[in-house]
Amino acid sequence: MLKFALYDYVPQRFIDRTSFEQQDTNRMILDFKDGRNYASRWAAQAMAYALHHADLKDVVIACVPASSTYSHARRYKRFSAMLCKAVGAIDGYEHVTVSGSRKRAHLTGEYELCDRFDELVHIDTSFFHGKKVIVVDDVCTTCRSANAFINALEDAGADVRLALFLAKTKRYLRRC
């Protein structure tokens, strides 16, 4: 399975080392994570452009669950509908639900989604069984959350073909 990221994301502690264009991209990514309308449109358009040559009429697009029910809805509900409409795919948003909340891995280093996936996320197995799926997420740092979600979808009988990320975290070596 192919995993692909459209942009680089630079952690805030290294942002002073980047170009204006990278700082602008970072701002858009963070605004997308906050669920801002203009950033959701930007992200949906960027991903739609990346997928525009593929025939996706029988493909489900599913978003990797966010850290809480509120964050998941704020970030992905509108975005998923816009992206699916733009590429002609089936919207899988309503078939993945997040219960409760978990610690944000990028802040704590703890990967609760991976360790307690079945407790935190419900996947409609009858919907996903036998379907081709593209998994989308905002930022890939270690890919652990996306891999846990992909494994759960495959356990539900889905055929995951692609993981598409808005950005991947760029690594920097610390200065001495």
N, C-alpha and C. Protein backbone atom coordinates (compact mmCIF):
# COMPACT_ATOMS: atom_id res chain seq x y z
N MET A 1 0.84 -1.18 0.00
CA MET A 1 0.00 0.00 0.00
C MET A 1 0.89 1.25 0.00
N LEU A 2 0.48 2.22 -0.79
CA LEU A 2 1.22 3.46 -0.93
C LEU A 2 0.81 4.45 0.16
N LYS A 3 1.80 5.11 0.72
CA LYS A 3 1.57 6.21 1.67
C LYS A 3 2.24 7.44 1.07
N PHE A 4 1.47 8.55 1.03
CA PHE A 4 1.96 9.73 0.34
C PHE A 4 1.55 10.99 1.10
N ALA A 5 2.46 11.95 1.21
CA ALA A 5 2.17 13.24 1.85
C ALA A 5 2.35 14.36 0.83
N LEU A 6 1.45 15.34 0.89
CA LEU A 6 1.49 16.45 -0.07
C LEU A 6 2.49 17.54 0.30
N TYR A 7 2.65 17.80 1.59
CA TYR A 7 3.49 18.89 2.05
C TYR A 7 4.39 18.42 3.19
N ASP A 8 5.34 19.27 3.54
CA ASP A 8 6.12 19.09 4.77
C ASP A 8 5.47 19.90 5.87
N TYR A 9 5.55 19.39 7.09
CA TYR A 9 5.12 20.13 8.27
C TYR A 9 6.34 20.26 9.16
N VAL A 10 6.62 21.47 9.62
CA VAL A 10 7.77 21.71 10.47
C VAL A 10 7.27 21.97 11.89
N PRO A 11 7.76 21.21 12.88
CA PRO A 11 7.38 21.46 14.27
C PRO A 11 7.66 22.91 14.66
N GLN A 12 6.82 23.45 15.50
CA GLN A 12 6.91 24.87 15.85
C GLN A 12 8.27 25.27 16.43
N ARG A 13 8.93 24.36 17.11
CA ARG A 13 10.23 24.72 17.69
C ARG A 13 11.31 24.96 16.64
N PHE A 14 11.06 24.54 15.38
CA PHE A 14 12.02 24.73 14.30
C PHE A 14 11.54 25.73 13.25
N ILE A 15 10.42 26.37 13.48
CA ILE A 15 9.79 27.20 12.45
C ILE A 15 10.67 28.38 12.04
N ASP A 16 11.54 28.84 12.93
CA ASP A 16 12.40 29.97 12.60
C ASP A 16 13.47 29.61 11.56
N ARG A 17 13.64 28.34 11.26
CA ARG A 17 14.61 27.89 10.26
C ARG A 17 13.99 27.77 8.86
N THR A 18 12.73 28.12 8.73
CA THR A 18 12.03 27.83 7.47
C THR A 18 11.77 29.08 6.65
N SER A 19 11.38 28.84 5.40
CA SER A 19 11.04 29.92 4.48
C SER A 19 9.64 30.46 4.79
N PHE A 20 9.34 31.58 4.19
CA PHE A 20 8.00 32.16 4.33
C PHE A 20 6.95 31.19 3.81
N GLU A 21 7.23 30.53 2.69
CA GLU A 21 6.27 29.59 2.10
C GLU A 21 5.99 28.43 3.04
N GLN A 22 7.04 27.93 3.72
CA GLN A 22 6.85 26.83 4.66
C GLN A 22 6.05 27.30 5.87
N GLN A 23 6.31 28.51 6.33
CA GLN A 23 5.54 29.04 7.46
C GLN A 23 4.07 29.19 7.09
N ASP A 24 3.80 29.61 5.85
CA ASP A 24 2.42 29.73 5.38
C ASP A 24 1.75 28.36 5.31
N THR A 25 2.46 27.36 4.81
CA THR A 25 1.92 26.00 4.76
C THR A 25 1.63 25.49 6.17
N ASN A 26 2.55 25.71 7.10
CA ASN A 26 2.33 25.31 8.49
C ASN A 26 1.08 25.95 9.07
N ARG A 27 0.91 27.24 8.79
CA ARG A 27 -0.27 27.96 9.30
C ARG A 27 -1.55 27.33 8.76
N MET A 28 -1.55 27.01 7.47
CA MET A 28 -2.75 26.40 6.87
C MET A 28 -3.02 25.03 7.49
N ILE A 29 -1.98 24.25 7.71
CA ILE A 29 -2.16 22.93 8.31
C ILE A 29 -2.72 23.06 9.72
N LEU A 30 -2.17 23.97 10.51
CA LEU A 30 -2.68 24.16 11.87
C LEU A 30 -4.11 24.68 11.86
N ASP A 31 -4.44 25.56 10.93
CA ASP A 31 -5.82 26.04 10.83
C ASP A 31 -6.76 24.93 10.38
N PHE A 32 -6.29 24.03 9.54
CA PHE A 32 -7.08 22.86 9.17
C PHE A 32 -7.34 21.99 10.40
N LYS A 33 -6.32 21.76 11.19
CA LYS A 33 -6.48 20.96 12.41
C LYS A 33 -7.47 21.60 13.37
N ASP A 34 -7.54 22.95 13.34
CA ASP A 34 -8.50 23.67 14.18
C ASP A 34 -9.90 23.70 13.59
N GLY A 35 -10.06 23.19 12.36
CA GLY A 35 -11.38 23.11 11.74
C GLY A 35 -11.85 24.41 11.09
N ARG A 36 -10.94 25.29 10.74
CA ARG A 36 -11.33 26.54 10.09
C ARG A 36 -11.81 26.27 8.66
N ASN A 37 -12.92 26.92 8.27
CA ASN A 37 -13.55 26.66 6.97
C ASN A 37 -12.59 26.83 5.79
N TYR A 38 -11.88 27.96 5.74
CA TYR A 38 -11.02 28.21 4.59
C TYR A 38 -9.90 27.17 4.50
N ALA A 39 -9.40 26.71 5.63
CA ALA A 39 -8.33 25.71 5.62
C ALA A 39 -8.88 24.33 5.23
N SER A 40 -10.12 24.05 5.60
CA SER A 40 -10.74 22.79 5.16
C SER A 40 -10.91 22.78 3.65
N ARG A 41 -11.32 23.92 3.08
CA ARG A 41 -11.44 24.02 1.62
C ARG A 41 -10.08 23.84 0.96
N TRP A 42 -9.06 24.50 1.52
CA TRP A 42 -7.71 24.40 0.98
C TRP A 42 -7.22 22.95 1.00
N ALA A 43 -7.40 22.26 2.12
CA ALA A 43 -6.95 20.87 2.24
C ALA A 43 -7.72 19.96 1.29
N ALA A 44 -9.04 20.16 1.19
CA ALA A 44 -9.85 19.33 0.29
C ALA A 44 -9.44 19.56 -1.16
N GLN A 45 -9.18 20.80 -1.53
CA GLN A 45 -8.74 21.09 -2.90
C GLN A 45 -7.37 20.49 -3.19
N ALA A 46 -6.46 20.56 -2.23
CA ALA A 46 -5.11 20.00 -2.43
C ALA A 46 -5.18 18.48 -2.60
N MET A 47 -5.96 17.83 -1.76
CA MET A 47 -6.08 16.37 -1.86
C MET A 47 -6.86 15.97 -3.11
N ALA A 48 -7.88 16.74 -3.47
CA ALA A 48 -8.64 16.44 -4.69
C ALA A 48 -7.74 16.57 -5.91
N TYR A 49 -6.88 17.56 -5.92
CA TYR A 49 -5.95 17.73 -7.03
C TYR A 49 -5.01 16.52 -7.13
N ALA A 50 -4.55 16.03 -5.98
CA ALA A 50 -3.65 14.87 -5.98
C ALA A 50 -4.36 13.61 -6.47
N LEU A 51 -5.66 13.53 -6.28
CA LEU A 51 -6.43 12.34 -6.65
C LEU A 51 -7.22 12.49 -7.95
N HIS A 52 -7.10 13.61 -8.64
CA HIS A 52 -8.02 13.92 -9.74
C HIS A 52 -7.94 12.99 -10.94
N HIS A 53 -6.85 12.27 -11.12
CA HIS A 53 -6.75 11.35 -12.26
C HIS A 53 -7.37 9.98 -11.98
N ALA A 54 -7.63 9.67 -10.73
CA ALA A 54 -8.14 8.35 -10.36
C ALA A 54 -9.66 8.29 -10.46
N ASP A 55 -10.17 7.13 -10.84
CA ASP A 55 -11.62 6.88 -10.85
C ASP A 55 -12.00 6.38 -9.47
N LEU A 56 -12.65 7.22 -8.69
CA LEU A 56 -12.94 6.89 -7.29
C LEU A 56 -14.43 6.69 -7.01
N LYS A 57 -15.23 6.41 -8.04
CA LYS A 57 -16.68 6.32 -7.82
C LYS A 57 -17.08 5.17 -6.89
N ASP A 58 -16.28 4.11 -6.79
CA ASP A 58 -16.60 3.00 -5.90
C ASP A 58 -15.62 2.91 -4.73
N VAL A 59 -14.95 4.01 -4.43
CA VAL A 59 -13.94 4.04 -3.37
C VAL A 59 -14.46 4.87 -2.20
N VAL A 60 -14.21 4.37 -1.00
CA VAL A 60 -14.59 5.09 0.22
C VAL A 60 -13.39 5.87 0.73
N ILE A 61 -13.62 7.11 1.11
CA ILE A 61 -12.58 7.90 1.76
C ILE A 61 -12.90 7.95 3.25
N ALA A 62 -11.91 7.52 4.06
CA ALA A 62 -12.09 7.46 5.51
C ALA A 62 -10.97 8.25 6.18
N CYS A 63 -11.33 9.11 7.12
CA CYS A 63 -10.36 9.95 7.83
C CYS A 63 -9.89 9.25 9.10
N VAL A 64 -8.58 9.30 9.34
CA VAL A 64 -8.00 8.75 10.57
C VAL A 64 -8.60 9.51 11.75
N PRO A 65 -9.11 8.81 12.76
CA PRO A 65 -9.76 9.49 13.89
C PRO A 65 -8.85 10.48 14.61
N ALA A 66 -9.44 11.62 14.96
CA ALA A 66 -8.73 12.64 15.73
C ALA A 66 -8.78 12.27 17.22
N SER A 67 -8.26 13.15 18.07
CA SER A 67 -8.10 12.82 19.49
C SER A 67 -9.39 12.81 20.30
N SER A 68 -10.45 13.43 19.80
CA SER A 68 -11.71 13.44 20.54
C SER A 68 -12.87 13.51 19.56
N THR A 69 -14.07 13.24 20.06
CA THR A 69 -15.27 13.32 19.23
C THR A 69 -15.38 14.72 18.63
N TYR A 70 -15.19 15.73 19.47
CA TYR A 70 -15.30 17.12 19.03
C TYR A 70 -14.26 17.45 17.96
N SER A 71 -12.99 17.10 18.20
CA SER A 71 -11.93 17.39 17.24
C SER A 71 -12.15 16.65 15.93
N HIS A 72 -12.61 15.42 16.01
CA HIS A 72 -12.85 14.63 14.80
C HIS A 72 -13.92 15.29 13.94
N ALA A 73 -15.02 15.69 14.57
CA ALA A 73 -16.12 16.33 13.82
C ALA A 73 -15.68 17.68 13.27
N ARG A 74 -15.03 18.48 14.09
CA ARG A 74 -14.60 19.82 13.67
C ARG A 74 -13.62 19.76 12.51
N ARG A 75 -12.72 18.81 12.56
CA ARG A 75 -11.68 18.73 11.54
C ARG A 75 -12.15 18.04 10.27
N TYR A 76 -12.91 16.96 10.40
CA TYR A 76 -13.14 16.10 9.23
C TYR A 76 -14.54 16.08 8.62
N LYS A 77 -15.56 16.47 9.32
CA LYS A 77 -16.91 16.33 8.77
C LYS A 77 -17.08 17.12 7.47
N ARG A 78 -16.82 18.40 7.51
CA ARG A 78 -16.95 19.27 6.33
C ARG A 78 -15.89 18.90 5.28
N PHE A 79 -14.66 18.70 5.73
CA PHE A 79 -13.56 18.36 4.83
C PHE A 79 -13.86 17.08 4.05
N SER A 80 -14.31 16.05 4.73
CA SER A 80 -14.59 14.77 4.09
C SER A 80 -15.68 14.91 3.03
N ALA A 81 -16.73 15.66 3.35
CA ALA A 81 -17.81 15.87 2.38
C ALA A 81 -17.31 16.63 1.16
N MET A 82 -16.49 17.66 1.35
CA MET A 82 -15.95 18.43 0.23
C MET A 82 -15.03 17.58 -0.64
N LEU A 83 -14.15 16.82 -0.02
CA LEU A 83 -13.21 15.99 -0.76
C LEU A 83 -13.94 14.92 -1.57
N CYS A 84 -14.89 14.25 -0.94
CA CYS A 84 -15.64 13.18 -1.63
C CYS A 84 -16.45 13.74 -2.80
N LYS A 85 -17.03 14.90 -2.62
CA LYS A 85 -17.79 15.52 -3.70
C LYS A 85 -16.86 15.89 -4.86
N ALA A 86 -15.69 16.41 -4.54
CA ALA A 86 -14.75 16.85 -5.58
C ALA A 86 -14.20 15.68 -6.41
N VAL A 87 -14.02 14.51 -5.79
CA VAL A 87 -13.41 13.39 -6.51
C VAL A 87 -14.41 12.29 -6.86
N GLY A 88 -15.66 12.44 -6.43
CA GLY A 88 -16.68 11.44 -6.75
C GLY A 88 -16.58 10.17 -5.93
N ALA A 89 -15.99 10.25 -4.75
CA ALA A 89 -15.83 9.08 -3.87
C ALA A 89 -17.00 8.99 -2.89
N ILE A 90 -17.05 7.88 -2.17
CA ILE A 90 -18.05 7.65 -1.14
C ILE A 90 -17.49 8.18 0.18
N ASP A 91 -18.30 8.95 0.90
CA ASP A 91 -17.87 9.55 2.17
C ASP A 91 -18.03 8.54 3.31
N GLY A 92 -16.92 8.16 3.92
CA GLY A 92 -16.95 7.20 5.02
C GLY A 92 -17.00 7.85 6.39
N TYR A 93 -17.13 9.18 6.43
CA TYR A 93 -17.07 9.90 7.71
C TYR A 93 -18.08 9.37 8.73
N GLU A 94 -19.32 9.17 8.34
CA GLU A 94 -20.38 8.76 9.27
C GLU A 94 -20.20 7.33 9.77
N HIS A 95 -19.29 6.58 9.18
CA HIS A 95 -19.12 5.18 9.54
C HIS A 95 -17.91 4.91 10.43
N VAL A 96 -17.28 5.99 10.88
CA VAL A 96 -16.18 5.92 11.85
C VAL A 96 -16.53 6.90 12.96
N THR A 97 -16.69 6.41 14.17
CA THR A 97 -17.02 7.30 15.28
C THR A 97 -15.96 7.21 16.37
N VAL A 98 -15.69 8.35 16.97
CA VAL A 98 -14.72 8.45 18.06
C VAL A 98 -15.51 8.60 19.35
N SER A 99 -15.18 7.79 20.34
CA SER A 99 -15.85 7.91 21.63
C SER A 99 -14.85 8.43 22.66
N GLY A 100 -15.30 9.36 23.45
CA GLY A 100 -14.43 9.93 24.47
C GLY A 100 -13.32 10.76 23.85
N SER A 101 -12.19 10.79 24.54
CA SER A 101 -11.04 11.52 24.02
C SER A 101 -9.78 10.80 24.46
N ARG A 102 -8.70 11.10 23.78
CA ARG A 102 -7.42 10.51 24.11
C ARG A 102 -6.39 11.63 24.18
N LYS A 103 -5.26 11.33 24.73
CA LYS A 103 -4.18 12.30 24.78
C LYS A 103 -3.65 12.52 23.38
N ARG A 104 -3.28 13.74 23.08
CA ARG A 104 -2.71 14.04 21.77
C ARG A 104 -1.26 13.58 21.74
N ALA A 105 -0.98 12.65 20.85
CA ALA A 105 0.34 12.00 20.80
C ALA A 105 1.47 12.99 20.56
N HIS A 106 1.24 14.01 19.73
CA HIS A 106 2.33 14.95 19.43
C HIS A 106 2.71 15.79 20.64
N LEU A 107 1.83 15.88 21.64
CA LEU A 107 2.14 16.63 22.85
C LEU A 107 2.69 15.75 23.96
N THR A 108 2.16 14.53 24.08
CA THR A 108 2.51 13.66 25.20
C THR A 108 3.48 12.54 24.85
N GLY A 109 3.53 12.17 23.58
CA GLY A 109 4.35 11.02 23.20
C GLY A 109 3.68 9.70 23.48
N GLU A 110 2.44 9.72 24.01
CA GLU A 110 1.69 8.51 24.30
C GLU A 110 0.71 8.26 23.15
N TYR A 111 0.67 7.02 22.69
CA TYR A 111 -0.16 6.66 21.53
C TYR A 111 -1.36 5.83 21.98
N GLU A 112 -2.30 6.50 22.66
CA GLU A 112 -3.49 5.81 23.16
C GLU A 112 -4.33 5.23 22.03
N LEU A 113 -4.40 5.92 20.90
CA LEU A 113 -5.21 5.41 19.80
C LEU A 113 -4.69 4.05 19.37
N CYS A 114 -3.41 3.87 19.35
CA CYS A 114 -2.82 2.60 18.95
C CYS A 114 -3.03 1.53 20.02
N ASP A 115 -2.87 1.91 21.27
CA ASP A 115 -2.94 0.95 22.37
C ASP A 115 -4.36 0.57 22.75
N ARG A 116 -5.32 1.48 22.59
CA ARG A 116 -6.71 1.23 23.02
C ARG A 116 -7.68 1.51 21.87
N PHE A 117 -7.32 1.15 20.66
CA PHE A 117 -8.11 1.51 19.48
C PHE A 117 -9.56 1.07 19.59
N ASP A 118 -9.79 -0.19 19.99
CA ASP A 118 -11.16 -0.71 20.06
C ASP A 118 -12.02 0.01 21.09
N GLU A 119 -11.42 0.57 22.13
CA GLU A 119 -12.17 1.32 23.14
C GLU A 119 -12.52 2.73 22.68
N LEU A 120 -11.70 3.32 21.83
CA LEU A 120 -11.83 4.73 21.46
C LEU A 120 -12.52 4.97 20.13
N VAL A 121 -12.48 3.98 19.23
CA VAL A 121 -12.99 4.18 17.88
C VAL A 121 -13.91 3.03 17.50
N HIS A 122 -15.04 3.37 16.89
CA HIS A 122 -15.96 2.34 16.38
C HIS A 122 -16.00 2.46 14.86
N ILE A 123 -15.76 1.32 14.21
CA ILE A 123 -15.81 1.25 12.75
C ILE A 123 -17.02 0.41 12.37
N ASP A 124 -17.85 0.91 11.47
CA ASP A 124 -19.01 0.19 10.96
C ASP A 124 -18.52 -0.91 10.02
N THR A 125 -18.31 -2.10 10.57
CA THR A 125 -17.72 -3.19 9.79
C THR A 125 -18.60 -3.61 8.62
N SER A 126 -19.91 -3.55 8.79
CA SER A 126 -20.79 -3.95 7.68
C SER A 126 -20.68 -2.98 6.51
N PHE A 127 -20.41 -1.72 6.78
CA PHE A 127 -20.24 -0.74 5.71
C PHE A 127 -18.92 -0.95 4.97
N PHE A 128 -17.83 -1.14 5.71
CA PHE A 128 -16.50 -1.19 5.11
C PHE A 128 -16.15 -2.55 4.50
N HIS A 129 -16.86 -3.60 4.88
CA HIS A 129 -16.53 -4.94 4.40
C HIS A 129 -16.59 -5.01 2.87
N GLY A 130 -15.47 -5.40 2.25
CA GLY A 130 -15.40 -5.56 0.81
C GLY A 130 -15.21 -4.29 0.01
N LYS A 131 -15.08 -3.14 0.67
CA LYS A 131 -14.93 -1.86 -0.04
C LYS A 131 -13.45 -1.49 -0.22
N LYS A 132 -13.17 -0.79 -1.32
CA LYS A 132 -11.85 -0.19 -1.53
C LYS A 132 -11.84 1.12 -0.76
N VAL A 133 -10.75 1.38 -0.04
CA VAL A 133 -10.69 2.54 0.86
C VAL A 133 -9.40 3.32 0.64
N ILE A 134 -9.54 4.64 0.68
CA ILE A 134 -8.40 5.55 0.78
C ILE A 134 -8.48 6.20 2.15
N VAL A 135 -7.41 6.09 2.90
CA VAL A 135 -7.34 6.67 4.24
C VAL A 135 -6.67 8.03 4.12
N VAL A 136 -7.25 9.06 4.76
CA VAL A 136 -6.64 10.39 4.76
C VAL A 136 -6.41 10.86 6.19
N ASP A 137 -5.37 11.65 6.37
CA ASP A 137 -5.04 12.20 7.68
C ASP A 137 -4.37 13.54 7.48
N ASP A 138 -4.27 14.31 8.55
CA ASP A 138 -3.67 15.63 8.44
C ASP A 138 -2.15 15.57 8.41
N VAL A 139 -1.53 15.11 9.49
CA VAL A 139 -0.08 15.11 9.57
C VAL A 139 0.41 13.72 9.97
N CYS A 140 1.41 13.24 9.26
CA CYS A 140 2.04 11.96 9.58
C CYS A 140 3.39 12.25 10.22
N THR A 141 3.53 11.84 11.47
CA THR A 141 4.82 11.99 12.14
C THR A 141 5.48 10.62 12.28
N THR A 142 4.85 9.72 13.02
CA THR A 142 5.38 8.36 13.16
C THR A 142 4.55 7.36 12.35
N CYS A 143 3.36 7.74 11.95
CA CYS A 143 2.42 6.92 11.19
C CYS A 143 1.74 5.86 12.06
N ARG A 144 1.93 5.90 13.37
CA ARG A 144 1.35 4.88 14.24
C ARG A 144 -0.17 4.94 14.26
N SER A 145 -0.75 6.13 14.35
CA SER A 145 -2.21 6.26 14.38
C SER A 145 -2.81 5.80 13.06
N ALA A 146 -2.21 6.20 11.96
CA ALA A 146 -2.71 5.80 10.65
C ALA A 146 -2.60 4.29 10.47
N ASN A 147 -1.49 3.71 10.90
CA ASN A 147 -1.33 2.26 10.78
C ASN A 147 -2.35 1.50 11.63
N ALA A 148 -2.64 2.00 12.84
CA ALA A 148 -3.64 1.35 13.68
C ALA A 148 -5.01 1.41 13.02
N PHE A 149 -5.34 2.55 12.42
CA PHE A 149 -6.62 2.71 11.73
C PHE A 149 -6.69 1.82 10.49
N ILE A 150 -5.62 1.77 9.73
CA ILE A 150 -5.57 0.91 8.54
C ILE A 150 -5.75 -0.55 8.94
N ASN A 151 -5.07 -0.98 10.00
CA ASN A 151 -5.21 -2.37 10.46
C ASN A 151 -6.64 -2.67 10.89
N ALA A 152 -7.28 -1.72 11.57
CA ALA A 152 -8.67 -1.91 12.00
C ALA A 152 -9.61 -1.99 10.80
N LEU A 153 -9.39 -1.15 9.79
CA LEU A 153 -10.21 -1.22 8.58
C LEU A 153 -10.02 -2.54 7.85
N GLU A 154 -8.78 -2.99 7.76
CA GLU A 154 -8.51 -4.27 7.10
C GLU A 154 -9.11 -5.44 7.89
N ASP A 155 -9.09 -5.34 9.22
CA ASP A 155 -9.75 -6.36 10.04
C ASP A 155 -11.26 -6.37 9.82
N ALA A 156 -11.81 -5.20 9.44
CA ALA A 156 -13.25 -5.09 9.15
C ALA A 156 -13.57 -5.56 7.73
N GLY A 157 -12.56 -5.95 6.98
CA GLY A 157 -12.79 -6.47 5.64
C GLY A 157 -12.57 -5.46 4.53
N ALA A 158 -12.06 -4.29 4.85
CA ALA A 158 -11.81 -3.26 3.83
C ALA A 158 -10.51 -3.56 3.08
N ASP A 159 -10.44 -3.07 1.87
CA ASP A 159 -9.24 -3.17 1.05
C ASP A 159 -8.63 -1.77 0.96
N VAL A 160 -7.70 -1.47 1.87
CA VAL A 160 -7.10 -0.14 1.93
C VAL A 160 -6.04 -0.06 0.84
N ARG A 161 -6.22 0.91 -0.07
CA ARG A 161 -5.34 1.04 -1.23
C ARG A 161 -4.29 2.14 -1.08
N LEU A 162 -4.59 3.18 -0.30
CA LEU A 162 -3.72 4.34 -0.23
C LEU A 162 -3.93 5.06 1.09
N ALA A 163 -2.85 5.59 1.64
CA ALA A 163 -2.92 6.51 2.78
C ALA A 163 -2.38 7.84 2.28
N LEU A 164 -3.22 8.86 2.30
CA LEU A 164 -2.85 10.18 1.81
C LEU A 164 -2.84 11.16 2.98
N PHE A 165 -1.70 11.80 3.18
CA PHE A 165 -1.54 12.75 4.28
C PHE A 165 -1.41 14.15 3.72
N LEU A 166 -1.99 15.10 4.42
CA LEU A 166 -1.81 16.49 4.03
C LEU A 166 -0.34 16.86 4.15
N ALA A 167 0.32 16.38 5.21
CA ALA A 167 1.74 16.70 5.41
C ALA A 167 2.43 15.60 6.20
N LYS A 168 3.74 15.59 6.07
CA LYS A 168 4.58 14.73 6.90
C LYS A 168 5.49 15.64 7.71
N THR A 169 5.77 15.22 8.92
CA THR A 169 6.63 16.02 9.79
C THR A 169 8.07 15.94 9.31
N LYS A 170 8.65 17.09 9.10
CA LYS A 170 10.05 17.16 8.67
C LYS A 170 10.93 17.10 9.91
N ARG A 171 11.93 16.29 9.84
CA ARG A 171 12.86 16.10 10.97
C ARG A 171 14.04 17.06 10.86
N TYR A 172 14.43 17.62 11.97
CA TYR A 172 15.61 18.47 12.04
C TYR A 172 16.53 17.94 13.11
N LEU A 173 17.82 18.04 12.87
CA LEU A 173 18.79 17.69 13.91
C LEU A 173 18.93 18.92 14.80
N ARG A 174 19.06 18.66 16.07
CA ARG A 174 19.24 19.79 17.00
C ARG A 174 20.65 20.38 16.84
N ARG A 175 20.70 21.69 16.97
CA ARG A 175 22.00 22.37 16.92
C ARG A 175 22.70 22.18 18.26
N CYS A 176 24.02 22.05 18.21
CA CYS A 176 24.80 21.88 19.45
C CYS A 176 25.04 23.20 20.11
